[in-house]
Protein backbone atom coordinates (compact mmCIF):
# COMPACT_ATOMS: atom_id res chain seq x y z
CA MET A 1 -34.87 -2.61 -0.10
CA ASN A 2 -32.45 -1.08 -2.68
CA ILE A 3 -30.20 -3.18 -4.46
CA LYS A 4 -27.21 -1.01 -2.69
CA LYS A 5 -28.63 -2.11 0.58
CA GLU A 6 -29.03 -5.43 -0.63
CA LYS A 7 -25.11 -5.91 -1.84
CA LEU A 8 -24.24 -4.77 1.41
CA ASN A 9 -26.22 -7.37 3.01
CA ASN A 10 -24.99 -10.00 0.98
CA LEU A 11 -21.14 -8.69 1.83
CA ARG A 12 -21.99 -8.88 5.47
CA ASN A 13 -23.47 -12.60 5.08
CA ILE A 14 -20.29 -13.38 2.88
CA LEU A 15 -18.36 -12.04 5.56
CA SER A 16 -19.84 -13.54 8.53
CA GLU A 17 -19.48 -16.75 7.14
CA MET A 18 -16.13 -16.68 6.42
CA GLY A 19 -15.38 -16.62 10.17
CA SER A 20 -11.80 -15.30 9.91
CA VAL A 21 -10.18 -13.41 7.62
CA LEU A 22 -6.38 -11.83 6.63
CA ILE A 23 -7.24 -8.62 4.73
CA ALA A 24 -4.69 -7.29 2.24
CA TYR A 25 -5.04 -3.90 3.00
CA SER A 26 -3.32 -0.97 0.76
CA GLY A 27 -5.52 1.91 2.45
CA GLY A 28 -7.62 2.63 -0.82
CA VAL A 29 -11.39 3.00 -0.67
CA ASP A 30 -12.14 -0.63 -1.60
CA SER A 31 -10.25 -2.35 0.90
CA THR A 32 -11.15 0.37 3.65
CA PHE A 33 -14.74 -0.46 2.85
CA LEU A 34 -13.90 -3.82 3.25
CA LEU A 35 -11.97 -3.74 6.26
CA LYS A 36 -14.64 -1.61 7.94
CA ILE A 37 -17.54 -3.92 7.54
CA ALA A 38 -15.01 -7.29 8.06
CA ARG A 39 -14.41 -5.58 11.80
CA GLU A 40 -18.50 -5.36 12.30
CA GLU A 41 -19.06 -8.79 11.32
CA LEU A 42 -15.94 -10.33 12.65
CA GLY A 43 -14.68 -8.30 15.30
CA ASN A 44 -11.21 -9.99 16.44
CA LYS A 45 -11.08 -12.20 14.11
CA VAL A 46 -10.02 -9.56 11.15
CA THR A 47 -6.34 -8.97 10.81
CA ALA A 48 -5.45 -6.06 8.25
CA VAL A 49 -1.59 -6.62 6.30
CA THR A 50 0.14 -4.17 4.33
CA VAL A 51 2.64 -4.67 1.97
CA LYS A 52 5.78 -2.49 2.03
CA SER A 53 7.56 -2.51 -1.29
CA GLU A 54 9.57 -0.02 -3.82
CA ILE A 55 6.26 -0.12 -5.96
CA HIS A 56 3.89 1.24 -3.38
CA HIS A 57 3.78 5.29 -2.55
CA LEU A 58 4.92 5.59 1.01
CA SER A 59 1.81 8.04 1.68
CA GLU A 60 -0.65 5.32 1.27
CA VAL A 61 1.16 3.50 4.16
CA THR A 62 0.38 6.51 6.42
CA ILE A 63 -3.21 6.19 5.43
CA ALA A 64 -3.37 2.66 5.86
CA LYS A 65 -1.75 3.04 9.45
CA LYS A 66 -4.01 5.87 10.55
CA MET A 67 -7.78 3.80 9.51
CA THR A 68 -6.60 0.47 11.14
CA GLN A 69 -5.90 2.55 14.03
CA LYS A 70 -9.59 4.26 13.78
CA PHE A 71 -11.12 0.69 13.47
CA LYS A 72 -9.12 -0.90 16.38
CA VAL A 73 -8.12 -3.62 13.89
CA LYS A 74 -4.80 -5.12 14.37
CA HIS A 75 -2.25 -4.29 11.42
CA LEU A 76 0.62 -6.31 10.25
CA PHE A 77 3.29 -5.44 7.75
CA VAL A 78 5.39 -7.06 5.37
CA ASP A 79 8.38 -6.08 3.41
CA ILE A 80 8.69 -7.78 -0.15
CA ASP A 81 11.57 -6.83 -2.27
CA ILE A 82 9.98 -7.48 -5.58
CA LEU A 83 12.68 -5.47 -7.53
CA SER A 84 14.67 -8.75 -7.11
CA ASN A 85 12.55 -10.71 -9.39
CA LYS A 86 13.86 -10.47 -12.53
CA GLU A 87 10.34 -11.55 -14.48
CA PHE A 88 9.02 -8.52 -12.60
CA VAL A 89 11.88 -6.05 -13.75
CA ASN A 90 11.17 -6.94 -17.19
CA ASN A 91 8.12 -6.01 -17.31
CA LEU A 92 6.30 -7.98 -19.60
CA PRO A 93 2.34 -7.60 -19.77
CA GLU A 94 2.15 -10.58 -17.04
CA ARG A 95 3.97 -8.28 -14.70
CA CYS A 96 1.26 -7.75 -12.42
CA TYR A 97 0.66 -11.67 -12.14
CA ILE A 98 4.12 -12.39 -11.35
CA CYS A 99 3.84 -9.53 -8.65
CA LYS A 100 0.20 -10.75 -7.03
CA LYS A 101 1.63 -14.00 -7.14
CA GLU A 102 4.62 -13.28 -4.68
CA ILE A 103 2.26 -11.03 -2.53
CA PHE A 104 -0.36 -13.05 -1.85
CA SER A 105 1.74 -16.26 -1.89
CA ARG A 106 3.95 -14.58 1.01
CA ILE A 107 0.25 -13.25 2.45
CA SER A 108 -1.09 -16.76 2.46
CA GLU A 109 1.82 -17.88 4.32
CA ILE A 110 1.10 -15.43 7.25
CA ALA A 111 -2.57 -16.54 7.13
CA LYS A 112 -1.79 -19.83 7.68
CA GLU A 113 1.28 -19.67 10.81
CA LEU A 114 -1.50 -17.45 12.00
CA ASN A 115 -4.71 -19.74 11.55
CA PHE A 116 -6.92 -17.44 9.29
CA ASN A 117 -9.65 -19.47 7.53
CA PHE A 118 -9.14 -16.92 4.40
CA VAL A 119 -7.08 -14.11 2.87
CA ALA A 120 -9.51 -11.70 1.02
CA ASP A 121 -8.49 -8.99 -1.48
CA GLY A 122 -10.40 -5.59 -2.00
CA SER A 123 -11.30 -6.27 -5.69
CA ASN A 124 -14.37 -4.74 -6.60
CA TYR A 125 -16.90 -5.92 -9.36
CA ASP A 126 -15.79 -3.42 -11.81
CA ASP A 127 -12.28 -4.74 -11.74
CA LEU A 128 -13.81 -7.69 -13.82
CA SER A 129 -13.78 -5.26 -16.88
CA ASP A 130 -10.43 -4.35 -17.21
CA TYR A 131 -7.40 -6.63 -18.37
CA ARG A 132 -5.50 -7.19 -14.70
CA PRO A 133 -3.53 -10.41 -15.10
CA GLY A 134 -3.28 -10.09 -11.17
CA MET A 135 -6.55 -11.60 -10.95
CA LYS A 136 -5.18 -14.98 -12.30
CA ALA A 137 -2.79 -15.14 -9.16
CA VAL A 138 -5.35 -14.57 -6.65
CA ARG A 139 -7.87 -17.27 -8.79
CA GLU A 140 -4.63 -19.70 -8.13
CA LEU A 141 -4.06 -18.98 -4.50
CA ARG A 142 -7.78 -18.93 -3.42
CA ILE A 143 -8.21 -15.52 -2.29
CA ARG A 144 -11.29 -14.31 -1.47
CA SER A 145 -12.68 -11.04 -2.88
CA PRO A 146 -15.82 -10.71 -0.83
CA LEU A 147 -16.74 -7.41 -2.40
CA LYS A 148 -16.61 -9.03 -6.13
CA GLU A 149 -18.94 -11.79 -4.61
CA ALA A 150 -21.39 -9.34 -3.42
CA ILE A 151 -21.21 -7.88 -7.05
CA LEU A 152 -20.70 -4.45 -5.38
CA ASN A 153 -18.74 -1.90 -8.05
CA LYS A 154 -16.75 1.16 -7.39
CA ASP A 155 -19.95 3.67 -7.51
CA ASP A 156 -21.61 1.17 -4.93
CA ILE A 157 -18.46 1.43 -2.44
CA ARG A 158 -17.61 4.98 -2.83
CA LEU A 159 -21.54 5.85 -2.08
CA LEU A 160 -21.88 3.16 1.06
CA SER A 161 -18.50 4.85 2.86
CA LYS A 162 -19.85 8.13 2.13
CA GLU A 163 -23.16 7.16 4.15
CA MET A 164 -20.93 5.65 6.65
CA GLY A 165 -18.58 8.65 7.22
CA LEU A 166 -15.72 7.17 6.15
CA PRO A 167 -12.85 9.80 5.80
CA ILE A 168 -11.51 8.60 2.30
CA TRP A 169 -14.73 7.77 0.40
CA ASP A 170 -14.02 10.18 -2.27
CA LYS A 171 -9.93 9.14 -2.27
CA PRO A 172 -9.00 8.91 -5.85
CA SER A 173 -7.80 5.11 -7.21
CA ASN A 174 -4.09 4.67 -6.90
CA SER A 175 -2.41 1.52 -8.37
CA CYS A 176 1.03 0.45 -7.85
CA LEU A 177 4.13 2.79 -9.45
CA ALA A 178 5.49 0.18 -11.72
CA THR A 179 2.10 0.92 -13.83
CA ARG A 180 3.59 4.19 -14.81
CA ILE A 181 6.15 2.37 -16.65
CA PRO A 182 5.45 0.75 -20.48
CA TYR A 183 5.46 -3.03 -20.63
CA ARG A 184 8.88 -3.89 -21.91
CA ASP A 185 10.79 -1.18 -20.56
CA LYS A 186 12.99 -2.37 -17.36
CA ILE A 187 11.36 -1.52 -13.84
CA THR A 188 14.43 0.52 -11.90
CA LEU A 189 14.37 1.90 -8.57
CA GLU A 190 15.28 5.54 -9.79
CA LYS A 191 12.17 5.53 -12.29
CA LEU A 192 9.92 4.65 -9.60
CA LYS A 193 11.39 7.33 -7.24
CA ARG A 194 11.17 9.91 -10.06
CA VAL A 195 7.53 8.70 -10.70
CA GLU A 196 6.48 9.12 -7.00
CA LYS A 197 8.36 12.16 -6.43
CA ALA A 198 6.52 13.81 -9.36
CA GLU A 199 3.36 12.69 -8.35
CA GLY A 200 3.56 14.15 -4.72
CA PHE A 201 4.24 17.12 -6.74
CA PHE A 202 1.52 17.62 -8.20
CA ARG A 203 -0.58 16.51 -5.24
CA ASP A 204 0.86 19.18 -3.20
CA LEU A 205 -0.25 21.93 -5.72
CA GLY A 206 -3.85 20.34 -4.97
CA ILE A 207 -4.40 17.68 -7.83
CA LYS A 208 -5.82 14.63 -6.25
CA GLN A 209 -6.05 12.60 -9.26
CA VAL A 210 -2.73 12.27 -11.64
CA ARG A 211 -0.40 10.08 -13.29
CA VAL A 212 3.32 10.28 -14.49
CA ARG A 213 3.91 7.87 -17.24
CA CYS A 214 7.25 7.41 -17.45
CA HIS A 215 8.58 6.95 -20.93
CA ASN A 216 12.04 6.75 -19.90
CA LYS A 217 13.23 10.62 -19.95
CA LEU A 218 10.01 11.93 -21.34
CA ALA A 219 7.10 12.37 -18.38
CA LYS A 220 3.64 11.95 -19.94
CA ILE A 221 0.94 13.70 -17.11
CA GLU A 222 -2.45 12.56 -17.16
CA VAL A 223 -4.66 14.83 -14.61
CA GLY A 224 -8.63 15.15 -14.51
CA GLU A 225 -10.06 17.19 -17.59
CA LYS A 226 -10.81 19.88 -14.67
CA ASP A 227 -7.44 20.04 -14.29
CA LEU A 228 -5.63 20.36 -17.80
CA LEU A 229 -6.48 23.93 -18.34
CA PHE A 230 -5.06 24.80 -14.83
CA LEU A 231 -2.07 23.12 -15.55
CA MET A 232 -1.56 25.64 -18.61
CA GLU A 233 -1.21 28.63 -16.79
CA GLU A 234 2.09 30.14 -17.76
CA ASP A 235 3.29 30.50 -14.40
CA LEU A 236 2.68 27.11 -13.12
CA ARG A 237 3.41 25.26 -16.11
CA LYS A 238 6.93 26.51 -15.83
CA LYS A 239 7.23 25.53 -12.33
CA ILE A 240 6.30 22.11 -13.64
CA ILE A 241 8.64 21.72 -16.22
CA SER A 242 11.67 23.12 -13.85
CA LYS A 243 10.58 20.62 -11.09
CA LEU A 244 10.45 17.61 -13.49
CA LYS A 245 13.53 18.16 -15.31
CA GLN A 246 14.96 18.70 -11.82
CA LEU A 247 13.75 14.71 -11.33
CA GLY A 248 15.65 14.11 -14.12
CA PHE A 249 12.89 14.25 -16.64
CA ILE A 250 13.98 15.58 -19.90
CA TYR A 251 10.60 15.97 -21.86
CA VAL A 252 7.49 17.07 -20.24
CA THR A 253 4.24 16.35 -22.13
CA LEU A 254 0.67 16.73 -20.91
CA ASP A 255 -1.72 13.96 -21.99
CA LEU A 256 -5.23 15.64 -23.42
CA GLN A 257 -7.01 12.53 -23.22
CA GLY A 258 -6.87 12.88 -19.12
CA TYR A 259 -6.54 10.45 -16.59
CA ARG A 260 -8.23 7.11 -17.29
CA THR A 261 -7.66 4.05 -15.63
CA GLY A 262 -5.61 1.41 -17.74
CA SER A 263 -4.37 3.92 -20.03
CA MET A 264 -0.78 1.70 -20.23
CA ASN A 265 -3.11 -1.29 -21.20
CA GLU A 266 -4.27 0.56 -24.45
CA GLU A 267 -0.99 -0.39 -26.58
CA LEU A 268 -2.31 -4.11 -25.92
CA ASN A 269 -6.06 -3.32 -26.88
CA GLU A 270 -4.32 -1.90 -30.10
CA LYS A 271 -2.45 -4.66 -31.11
CA ALA A 272 -5.10 -7.31 -30.27
CA ARG A 273 -7.04 -5.18 -32.84
CA THR A 274 -4.73 -5.48 -35.69
CA ASP A 275 -3.26 -8.91 -34.96
């Protein structure tokens, strides 16, 4: 048996032993894979819950609805007004901890009301390698991370999802819109909506992996290497500039390093090296 299949069997055993679980479901590759396997192992003893908030792309909610219908899994929604939390809005480096604490506290309450044994999220083994203060909240609230427990990383999950015929096996990673705003810059609804519309514009152009980092009135665009030259085509470049200025940006820049996970944490890493 290869290592990938062994990890999958471990995941099945972990979920089976859990008995019943409420899964925090974003509609992404990881949580979709987890939901699929949980449904196979636990049947009707698994339910998905999706958070609706200003910090999440509306398109992600649509995807989540489609996948739960496909799996025939009960699907709950919870509205969270995270922008009413002043600590979150102040956007310090612990922002993700504050957000996760509020979200998973609410989900844990729902799990208790519905008599689920556990709450689980879609964190995978690779998530241990980046600065993720939200993991502290997950540990404090005793949220299970079955993918991480089974030592399944992102590549494992994508390959297994492809083998299972899951339609979103190659869906680009996405994160909440607040990650587009530099630490210590206040998070506002106006900034979040500006970013959401800008990224939607790029996806309509056929660019799957994109981040529009919002440095006040400056937009810093991150795309994969193959799309860097594409965005420099004269007609398209003018179209992009026009659209982003229409959305409220004054300056439009293209990050020559391209898209990379956690680029907003680079400032923290640099500070740690110089302290």
